[in-house]
Amino acid sequence: MEIPTAGGEERPARVLAVIPAWNEADRIAAIVTGARLHLPVLVVDDGSSDNTAAVAEAAGATVIRHAENRRKGAALQTGFAWALERGYDAVLTLDADGQHDPAEIPKFLEAWRAGRGDLIIGERDYSVMPWPRWWSTPLGARLFSLALGTRIPDNQSGYRLLTRRLLEQMRLTSTGFEMEVEIIAEAVRLGLPIGWVPIRTIYGIGKPSYFHPVKDTVRFLRMVWRTWRRRRAWQRKGVGSGRDHRPPSSR
């Protein structure tokens, strides 16, 4: 993809892979190595107590360290700010624990080059998720879609590409897992298109989840409530869109 410059010329688009990581020393090397086949990599070590940062650097990533754990959303925001300051045109986010296959990065790049959105999200297959995620995850997506007034097939997938236009304009207030939901709401509020690409649904990676069922569910429901209230405010101001944000081929 070519980006026009101020002088009227064009240059290749610059995309950065941003990987938030917390105590992932056993897994981060493979993720960094796979991602670097396609993109430069920034790892945001979110206060790990193991040697995640050292392993990531040895695998070829640039690493930023948080002195203490500030949660996933804060780690992503650190990565976003770093990318914007250095002139990147887009960032691609993926998890450090192996649930996102770096070999699928080209799907996101191709979708962006095809003009399919300022936010490209990896859509998972709910039917192969373990219990209780096979029913709780689509239920959450349905609730969020109702609050947003827009069909969102997968609101919790963290494998996604965000353009500079979205990064510069969105206003985020959360710092945890729920921030990924808030990003979608911001894209809709701004009237920016959202695209989807199918990705592998990977579970059984041999590690405990950092998702806290009670706390994070409460945070998600609060986000759904805030989204519904914000949408009403957007509608009064004539902001946002109620269209189906899936690509035409998947509707």
C-alpha atoms as a PDB file:
ATOM      1  CA  MET A   1       0.000   0.000   0.000  1.00  0.00           C
ATOM      2  CA  GLU A   2       1.302   3.445  -0.941  1.00  0.00           C
ATOM      3  CA  ILE A   3       0.803   6.569   1.171  1.00  0.00           C
ATOM      4  CA  PRO A   4       0.813  10.029  -0.522  1.00  0.00           C
ATOM      5  CA  THR A   5       3.367  12.504   0.849  1.00  0.00           C
ATOM      6  CA  ALA A   6       3.206  16.297   1.169  1.00  0.00           C
ATOM      7  CA  GLY A   7       5.364  16.612  -1.945  1.00  0.00           C
ATOM      8  CA  GLY A   8       2.871  14.692  -4.070  1.00  0.00           C
ATOM      9  CA  GLU A   9       4.948  11.514  -4.153  1.00  0.00           C
ATOM     10  CA  GLU A  10       4.084   8.182  -2.620  1.00  0.00           C
ATOM     11  CA  ARG A  11       5.872   5.939  -0.126  1.00  0.00           C
ATOM     12  CA  PRO A  12       5.227   2.414   1.164  1.00  0.00           C
ATOM     13  CA  ALA A  13       2.876   2.233   4.144  1.00  0.00           C
ATOM     14  CA  ARG A  14       4.542   1.582   7.483  1.00  0.00           C
ATOM     15  CA  VAL A  15       2.761  -0.880   9.789  1.00  0.00           C
ATOM     16  CA  LEU A  16       3.908  -1.883  13.275  1.00  0.00           C
ATOM     17  CA  ALA A  17       2.954  -5.039  15.162  1.00  0.00           C
ATOM     18  CA  VAL A  18       2.158  -4.176  18.798  1.00  0.00           C
ATOM     19  CA  ILE A  19       2.169  -7.042  21.305  1.00  0.00           C
ATOM     20  CA  PRO A  20       1.147  -6.390  24.920  1.00  0.00           C
ATOM     21  CA  ALA A  21       2.739  -8.985  27.195  1.00  0.00           C
ATOM     22  CA  TRP A  22       2.626  -9.911  30.861  1.00  0.00           C
ATOM     23  CA  ASN A  23       4.663 -12.869  32.137  1.00  0.00           C
ATOM     24  CA  GLU A  24       4.901 -14.524  28.723  1.00  0.00           C
ATOM     25  CA  ALA A  25       8.589 -15.492  28.712  1.00  0.00           C
ATOM     26  CA  ASP A  26       7.743 -19.071  27.672  1.00  0.00           C
ATOM     27  CA  ARG A  27       5.711 -18.008  24.621  1.00  0.00           C
ATOM     28  CA  ILE A  28       6.766 -14.554  23.449  1.00  0.00           C
ATOM     29  CA  ALA A  29       9.790 -15.623  21.363  1.00  0.00           C
ATOM     30  CA  ALA A  30       7.707 -17.666  18.916  1.00  0.00           C
ATOM     31  CA  ILE A  31       5.158 -14.860  18.533  1.00  0.00           C
ATOM     32  CA  VAL A  32       7.816 -12.215  17.918  1.00  0.00           C
ATOM     33  CA  THR A  33       9.687 -14.435  15.474  1.00  0.00           C
ATOM     34  CA  GLY A  34       6.520 -15.186  13.513  1.00  0.00           C
ATOM     35  CA  ALA A  35       5.359 -11.573  13.448  1.00  0.00           C
ATOM     36  CA  ARG A  36       8.768 -10.290  12.331  1.00  0.00           C
ATOM     37  CA  LEU A  37       8.400 -12.292   9.124  1.00  0.00           C
ATOM     38  CA  HIS A  38       5.840  -9.664   8.138  1.00  0.00           C
ATOM     39  CA  LEU A  39       6.273  -6.511  10.263  1.00  0.00           C
ATOM     40  CA  PRO A  40       8.565  -4.758  12.723  1.00  0.00           C
ATOM     41  CA  VAL A  41       7.524  -5.639  16.269  1.00  0.00           C
ATOM     42  CA  LEU A  42       7.041  -3.627  19.444  1.00  0.00           C
ATOM     43  CA  VAL A  43       6.438  -5.550  22.676  1.00  0.00           C
ATOM     44  CA  VAL A  44       4.981  -3.661  25.626  1.00  0.00           C
ATOM     45  CA  ASP A  45       6.043  -5.556  28.741  1.00  0.00           C
ATOM     46  CA  ASP A  46       3.297  -4.728  31.215  1.00  0.00           C
ATOM     47  CA  GLY A  47       5.189  -5.129  34.476  1.00  0.00           C
ATOM     48  CA  SER A  48       6.206  -8.774  34.045  1.00  0.00           C
ATOM     49  CA  SER A  49       7.936 -10.523  36.938  1.00  0.00           C
ATOM     50  CA  ASP A  50       9.694 -12.975  34.603  1.00  0.00           C
ATOM     51  CA  ASN A  51      12.147 -12.293  31.759  1.00  0.00           C
ATOM     52  CA  THR A  52       9.528 -11.556  29.092  1.00  0.00           C
ATOM     53  CA  ALA A  53      11.327  -8.350  28.047  1.00  0.00           C
ATOM     54  CA  ALA A  54      14.719 -10.012  27.647  1.00  0.00           C
ATOM     55  CA  VAL A  55      13.295 -12.913  25.639  1.00  0.00           C
ATOM     56  CA  ALA A  56      11.355 -10.539  23.365  1.00  0.00           C
ATOM     57  CA  GLU A  57      14.449  -8.418  22.733  1.00  0.00           C
ATOM     58  CA  ALA A  58      16.515 -11.503  21.967  1.00  0.00           C
ATOM     59  CA  ALA A  59      13.876 -12.522  19.403  1.00  0.00           C
ATOM     60  CA  GLY A  60      14.255  -9.160  17.660  1.00  0.00           C
ATOM     61  CA  ALA A  61      11.490  -6.990  19.118  1.00  0.00           C
ATOM     62  CA  THR A  62      11.760  -3.442  20.363  1.00  0.00           C
ATOM     63  CA  VAL A  63      10.573  -3.493  23.983  1.00  0.00           C
ATOM     64  CA  ILE A  64       8.957  -0.876  26.210  1.00  0.00           C
ATOM     65  CA  ARG A  65       8.611  -1.761  29.887  1.00  0.00           C
ATOM     66  CA  HIS A  66       5.941  -0.702  32.354  1.00  0.00           C
ATOM     67  CA  ALA A  67       7.320  -0.596  35.900  1.00  0.00           C
ATOM     68  CA  GLU A  68       4.128  -2.248  37.157  1.00  0.00           C
ATOM     69  CA  ASN A  69       1.175  -4.070  35.672  1.00  0.00           C
ATOM     70  CA  ARG A  70      -1.258  -1.502  34.263  1.00  0.00           C
ATOM     71  CA  ARG A  71      -3.563  -3.933  32.383  1.00  0.00           C
ATOM     72  CA  LYS A  72      -3.847  -4.774  28.723  1.00  0.00           C
ATOM     73  CA  GLY A  73      -5.590  -1.623  27.556  1.00  0.00           C
ATOM     74  CA  ALA A  74      -2.906   0.604  29.068  1.00  0.00           C
ATOM     75  CA  ALA A  75      -0.201  -1.499  27.399  1.00  0.00           C
ATOM     76  CA  LEU A  76      -1.943  -1.085  24.049  1.00  0.00           C
ATOM     77  CA  GLN A  77      -2.207   2.666  24.518  1.00  0.00           C
ATOM     78  CA  THR A  78       1.532   2.820  25.211  1.00  0.00           C
ATOM     79  CA  GLY A  79       2.124   0.978  21.951  1.00  0.00           C
ATOM     80  CA  PHE A  80      -0.273   3.204  20.020  1.00  0.00           C
ATOM     81  CA  ALA A  81       1.443   6.363  21.264  1.00  0.00           C
ATOM     82  CA  TRP A  82       4.887   4.976  20.377  1.00  0.00           C
ATOM     83  CA  ALA A  83       3.741   4.126  16.851  1.00  0.00           C
ATOM     84  CA  LEU A  84       2.141   7.527  16.260  1.00  0.00           C
ATOM     85  CA  GLU A  85       5.216   9.377  17.491  1.00  0.00           C
ATOM     86  CA  ARG A  86       7.346   7.477  14.982  1.00  0.00           C
ATOM     87  CA  GLY A  87       5.116   8.035  11.985  1.00  0.00           C
ATOM     88  CA  TYR A  88       3.573   4.612  11.469  1.00  0.00           C
ATOM     89  CA  ASP A  89       0.495   4.497   9.256  1.00  0.00           C
ATOM     90  CA  ALA A  90      -1.180   1.604  11.075  1.00  0.00           C
ATOM     91  CA  VAL A  91      -0.657  -0.830  13.916  1.00  0.00           C
ATOM     92  CA  LEU A  92      -1.548  -4.497  14.092  1.00  0.00           C
ATOM     93  CA  THR A  93      -2.230  -5.878  17.567  1.00  0.00           C
ATOM     94  CA  LEU A  94      -1.941  -9.505  18.579  1.00  0.00           C
ATOM     95  CA  ASP A  95      -1.642 -11.360  21.866  1.00  0.00           C
ATOM     96  CA  ALA A  96       1.608 -12.713  23.286  1.00  0.00           C
ATOM     97  CA  ASP A  97       0.196 -16.031  24.510  1.00  0.00           C
ATOM     98  CA  GLY A  98      -0.229 -17.876  21.213  1.00  0.00           C
ATOM     99  CA  GLN A  99      -3.988 -17.406  20.717  1.00  0.00           C
ATOM    100  CA  HIS A 100      -3.263 -15.345  17.590  1.00  0.00           C
ATOM    101  CA  ASP A 101      -1.307 -16.975  14.773  1.00  0.00           C
ATOM    102  CA  PRO A 102       1.261 -14.512  13.319  1.00  0.00           C
ATOM    103  CA  ALA A 103       1.056 -16.368  10.005  1.00  0.00           C
ATOM    104  CA  GLU A 104      -2.355 -14.702   9.512  1.00  0.00           C
ATOM    105  CA  ILE A 105      -0.949 -11.151   9.569  1.00  0.00           C
ATOM    106  CA  PRO A 106      -1.079 -10.905   5.729  1.00  0.00           C
ATOM    107  CA  LYS A 107      -4.883 -11.279   5.881  1.00  0.00           C
ATOM    108  CA  PHE A 108      -5.131  -7.996   7.769  1.00  0.00           C
ATOM    109  CA  LEU A 109      -2.671  -6.204   5.517  1.00  0.00           C
ATOM    110  CA  GLU A 110      -4.489  -7.362   2.393  1.00  0.00           C
ATOM    111  CA  ALA A 111      -7.860  -6.261   3.794  1.00  0.00           C
ATOM    112  CA  TRP A 112      -6.456  -2.809   4.574  1.00  0.00           C
ATOM    113  CA  ARG A 113      -4.870  -2.482   1.131  1.00  0.00           C
ATOM    114  CA  ALA A 114      -8.255  -3.395  -0.349  1.00  0.00           C
ATOM    115  CA  GLY A 115      -9.826  -0.468   1.530  1.00  0.00           C
ATOM    116  CA  ARG A 116     -12.020  -2.632   3.763  1.00  0.00           C
ATOM    117  CA  GLY A 117     -11.757  -0.479   6.867  1.00  0.00           C
ATOM    118  CA  ASP A 118      -9.860   1.706   9.316  1.00  0.00           C
ATOM    119  CA  LEU A 119     -10.390  -1.072  11.840  1.00  0.00           C
ATOM    120  CA  ILE A 120      -9.856  -4.641  10.604  1.00  0.00           C
ATOM    121  CA  ILE A 121     -10.817  -7.292  13.164  1.00  0.00           C
ATOM    122  CA  GLY A 122     -10.092 -11.009  13.191  1.00  0.00           C
ATOM    123  CA  GLU A 123     -13.385 -12.897  13.457  1.00  0.00           C
ATOM    124  CA  ARG A 124     -13.310 -16.203  15.326  1.00  0.00           C
ATOM    125  CA  ASP A 125     -15.454 -19.332  15.013  1.00  0.00           C
ATOM    126  CA  TYR A 126     -17.555 -19.520  18.180  1.00  0.00           C
ATOM    127  CA  SER A 127     -18.507 -23.148  17.572  1.00  0.00           C
ATOM    128  CA  VAL A 128     -15.009 -24.419  18.358  1.00  0.00           C
ATOM    129  CA  MET A 129     -14.583 -22.419  21.573  1.00  0.00           C
ATOM    130  CA  PRO A 130     -14.546 -24.291  24.903  1.00  0.00           C
ATOM    131  CA  TRP A 131     -17.399 -24.030  27.379  1.00  0.00           C
ATOM    132  CA  PRO A 132     -18.568 -21.526  28.510  1.00  0.00           C
ATOM    133  CA  ARG A 133     -17.013 -19.230  25.867  1.00  0.00           C
ATOM    134  CA  TRP A 134     -18.917 -20.859  22.987  1.00  0.00           C
ATOM    135  CA  TRP A 135     -22.119 -19.265  24.301  1.00  0.00           C
ATOM    136  CA  SER A 136     -20.913 -16.366  26.485  1.00  0.00           C
ATOM    137  CA  THR A 137     -18.766 -14.747  23.785  1.00  0.00           C
ATOM    138  CA  PRO A 138     -21.492 -14.550  21.098  1.00  0.00           C
ATOM    139  CA  LEU A 139     -23.968 -13.428  23.771  1.00  0.00           C
ATOM    140  CA  GLY A 140     -21.632 -10.560  24.644  1.00  0.00           C
ATOM    141  CA  ALA A 141     -21.293  -9.670  20.966  1.00  0.00           C
ATOM    142  CA  ARG A 142     -25.075  -9.593  20.599  1.00  0.00           C
ATOM    143  CA  LEU A 143     -25.529  -7.351  23.653  1.00  0.00           C
ATOM    144  CA  PHE A 144     -22.835  -4.998  22.417  1.00  0.00           C
ATOM    145  CA  SER A 145     -24.361  -4.919  18.924  1.00  0.00           C
ATOM    146  CA  LEU A 146     -27.743  -3.992  20.377  1.00  0.00           C
ATOM    147  CA  ALA A 147     -26.188  -1.210  22.474  1.00  0.00           C
ATOM    148  CA  LEU A 148     -24.207   0.104  19.515  1.00  0.00           C
ATOM    149  CA  GLY A 149     -27.013  -0.257  16.984  1.00  0.00           C
ATOM    150  CA  THR A 150     -24.605  -1.949  14.592  1.00  0.00           C
ATOM    151  CA  ARG A 151     -23.928  -5.619  13.788  1.00  0.00           C
ATOM    152  CA  ILE A 152     -20.588  -6.537  15.389  1.00  0.00           C
ATOM    153  CA  PRO A 153     -19.796 -10.250  14.834  1.00  0.00           C
ATOM    154  CA  ASP A 154     -16.873 -10.466  17.299  1.00  0.00           C
ATOM    155  CA  ASN A 155     -16.320  -7.634  19.748  1.00  0.00           C
ATOM    156  CA  GLN A 156     -13.677  -9.324  21.925  1.00  0.00           C
ATOM    157  CA  SER A 157     -11.091 -10.407  19.367  1.00  0.00           C
ATOM    158  CA  GLY A 158      -7.803  -8.634  20.078  1.00  0.00           C
ATOM    159  CA  TYR A 159      -6.273  -9.551  16.707  1.00  0.00           C
ATOM    160  CA  ARG A 160      -6.846  -6.401  14.685  1.00  0.00           C
ATOM    161  CA  LEU A 161      -5.390  -3.624  12.528  1.00  0.00           C
ATOM    162  CA  LEU A 162      -5.998   0.052  13.330  1.00  0.00           C
ATOM    163  CA  THR A 163      -5.113   2.858  10.948  1.00  0.00           C
ATOM    164  CA  ARG A 164      -3.428   6.084  11.925  1.00  0.00           C
ATOM    165  CA  ARG A 165      -6.659   7.949  11.166  1.00  0.00           C
ATOM    166  CA  LEU A 166      -8.483   5.924  13.820  1.00  0.00           C
ATOM    167  CA  LEU A 167      -5.616   6.075  16.328  1.00  0.00           C
ATOM    168  CA  GLU A 168      -5.414   9.851  16.106  1.00  0.00           C
ATOM    169  CA  GLN A 169      -9.139  10.477  16.513  1.00  0.00           C
ATOM    170  CA  MET A 170     -10.425   7.928  19.023  1.00  0.00           C
ATOM    171  CA  ARG A 171     -10.875   8.914  22.663  1.00  0.00           C
ATOM    172  CA  LEU A 172     -10.367   6.006  25.043  1.00  0.00           C
ATOM    173  CA  THR A 173     -11.251   5.973  28.736  1.00  0.00           C
ATOM    174  CA  SER A 174     -10.655   2.345  29.788  1.00  0.00           C
ATOM    175  CA  THR A 175      -7.420   0.461  30.462  1.00  0.00           C
ATOM    176  CA  GLY A 176      -8.400  -3.221  30.674  1.00  0.00           C
ATOM    177  CA  PHE A 177      -9.746  -5.886  28.316  1.00  0.00           C
ATOM    178  CA  GLU A 178     -12.856  -3.759  27.804  1.00  0.00           C
ATOM    179  CA  MET A 179     -10.811  -1.180  25.902  1.00  0.00           C
ATOM    180  CA  GLU A 180     -10.922  -3.420  22.842  1.00  0.00           C
ATOM    181  CA  VAL A 181     -14.706  -3.083  22.914  1.00  0.00           C
ATOM    182  CA  GLU A 182     -14.417   0.678  23.357  1.00  0.00           C
ATOM    183  CA  ILE A 183     -12.222   0.921  20.236  1.00  0.00           C
ATOM    184  CA  ILE A 184     -15.046  -0.535  18.150  1.00  0.00           C
ATOM    185  CA  ALA A 185     -17.500   1.974  19.603  1.00  0.00           C
ATOM    186  CA  GLU A 186     -15.102   4.790  18.779  1.00  0.00           C
ATOM    187  CA  ALA A 187     -14.749   3.651  15.163  1.00  0.00           C
ATOM    188  CA  VAL A 188     -18.540   3.685  14.809  1.00  0.00           C
ATOM    189  CA  ARG A 189     -18.837   7.075  16.512  1.00  0.00           C
ATOM    190  CA  LEU A 190     -16.280   8.492  14.092  1.00  0.00           C
ATOM    191  CA  GLY A 191     -18.069   6.971  11.097  1.00  0.00           C
ATOM    192  CA  LEU A 192     -14.997   4.946  10.112  1.00  0.00           C
ATOM    193  CA  PRO A 193     -15.550   1.611   8.358  1.00  0.00           C
ATOM    194  CA  ILE A 194     -14.862  -1.702  10.084  1.00  0.00           C
ATOM    195  CA  GLY A 195     -13.734  -4.786   8.166  1.00  0.00           C
ATOM    196  CA  TRP A 196     -13.489  -8.435   9.204  1.00  0.00           C
ATOM    197  CA  VAL A 197     -11.170 -11.306   8.318  1.00  0.00           C
ATOM    198  CA  PRO A 198     -11.618 -14.931   9.428  1.00  0.00           C
ATOM    199  CA  ILE A 199      -8.906 -16.182  11.787  1.00  0.00           C
ATOM    200  CA  ARG A 200      -8.085 -19.425  13.562  1.00  0.00           C
ATOM    201  CA  THR A 201      -9.783 -19.934  16.926  1.00  0.00           C
ATOM    202  CA  ILE A 202      -6.982 -21.136  19.184  1.00  0.00           C
ATOM    203  CA  TYR A 203      -7.505 -22.419  22.729  1.00  0.00           C
ATOM    204  CA  GLY A 204      -5.800 -25.062  24.855  1.00  0.00           C
ATOM    205  CA  ILE A 205      -2.455 -23.239  24.896  1.00  0.00           C
ATOM    206  CA  GLY A 206      -1.592 -24.486  28.373  1.00  0.00           C
ATOM    207  CA  LYS A 207      -1.821 -21.300  30.422  1.00  0.00           C
ATOM    208  CA  PRO A 208      -4.381 -19.767  32.773  1.00  0.00           C
ATOM    209  CA  SER A 209      -6.477 -16.932  31.417  1.00  0.00           C
ATOM    210  CA  TYR A 210      -5.928 -13.435  32.801  1.00  0.00           C
ATOM    211  CA  PHE A 211      -9.596 -12.741  32.142  1.00  0.00           C
ATOM    212  CA  HIS A 212     -11.421 -12.422  35.481  1.00  0.00           C
ATOM    213  CA  PRO A 213     -14.986 -13.714  34.916  1.00  0.00           C
ATOM    214  CA  VAL A 214     -16.713 -11.533  37.505  1.00  0.00           C
ATOM    215  CA  LYS A 215     -14.645  -8.340  37.403  1.00  0.00           C
ATOM    216  CA  ASP A 216     -14.194  -8.247  33.640  1.00  0.00           C
ATOM    217  CA  THR A 217     -17.822  -9.196  32.971  1.00  0.00           C
ATOM    218  CA  VAL A 218     -18.958  -6.318  35.179  1.00  0.00           C
ATOM    219  CA  ARG A 219     -16.577  -3.976  33.354  1.00  0.00           C
ATOM    220  CA  PHE A 220     -17.918  -5.218  30.007  1.00  0.00           C
ATOM    221  CA  LEU A 221     -21.533  -4.688  31.029  1.00  0.00           C
ATOM    222  CA  ARG A 222     -20.675  -1.179  32.180  1.00  0.00           C
ATOM    223  CA  MET A 223     -19.086  -0.569  28.789  1.00  0.00           C
ATOM    224  CA  VAL A 224     -22.240  -1.841  27.070  1.00  0.00           C
ATOM    225  CA  TRP A 225     -24.339   0.534  29.182  1.00  0.00           C
ATOM    226  CA  ARG A 226     -22.031   3.484  28.454  1.00  0.00           C
ATOM    227  CA  THR A 227     -22.063   2.609  24.755  1.00  0.00           C
ATOM    228  CA  TRP A 228     -25.864   2.633  24.659  1.00  0.00           C
ATOM    229  CA  ARG A 229     -25.970   6.021  26.399  1.00  0.00           C
ATOM    230  CA  ARG A 230     -23.276   7.429  24.126  1.00  0.00           C
ATOM    231  CA  ARG A 231     -25.080   6.183  21.027  1.00  0.00           C
ATOM    232  CA  ARG A 232     -28.172   8.104  22.084  1.00  0.00           C
ATOM    233  CA  ALA A 233     -26.011  11.208  22.402  1.00  0.00           C
ATOM    234  CA  TRP A 234     -24.438  10.560  18.989  1.00  0.00           C
ATOM    235  CA  GLN A 235     -27.867  10.188  17.408  1.00  0.00           C
ATOM    236  CA  ARG A 236     -28.984  13.519  18.818  1.00  0.00           C
ATOM    237  CA  LYS A 237     -25.900  15.110  17.263  1.00  0.00           C
ATOM    238  CA  GLY A 238     -26.196  13.163  14.000  1.00  0.00           C
ATOM    239  CA  VAL A 239     -22.881  11.344  14.615  1.00  0.00           C
ATOM    240  CA  GLY A 240     -21.907   7.759  13.827  1.00  0.00           C
ATOM    241  CA  SER A 241     -23.481   5.075  11.713  1.00  0.00           C
ATOM    242  CA  GLY A 242     -26.010   2.305  12.125  1.00  0.00           C
ATOM    243  CA  ARG A 243     -24.897   0.319   9.087  1.00  0.00           C
ATOM    244  CA  ASP A 244     -23.744  -3.291   9.111  1.00  0.00           C
ATOM    245  CA  HIS A 245     -19.959  -3.127   9.404  1.00  0.00           C
ATOM    246  CA  ARG A 246     -19.261  -6.552   7.983  1.00  0.00           C
ATOM    247  CA  PRO A 247     -17.800  -6.759   4.467  1.00  0.00           C
ATOM    248  CA  PRO A 248     -20.541  -7.376   1.846  1.00  0.00           C
ATOM    249  CA  SER A 249     -19.299 -10.906   1.129  1.00  0.00           C
ATOM    250  CA  SER A 250     -20.038 -12.059   4.692  1.00  0.00           C
ATOM    251  CA  ARG A 251     -23.524 -10.579   5.133  1.00  0.00           C
END
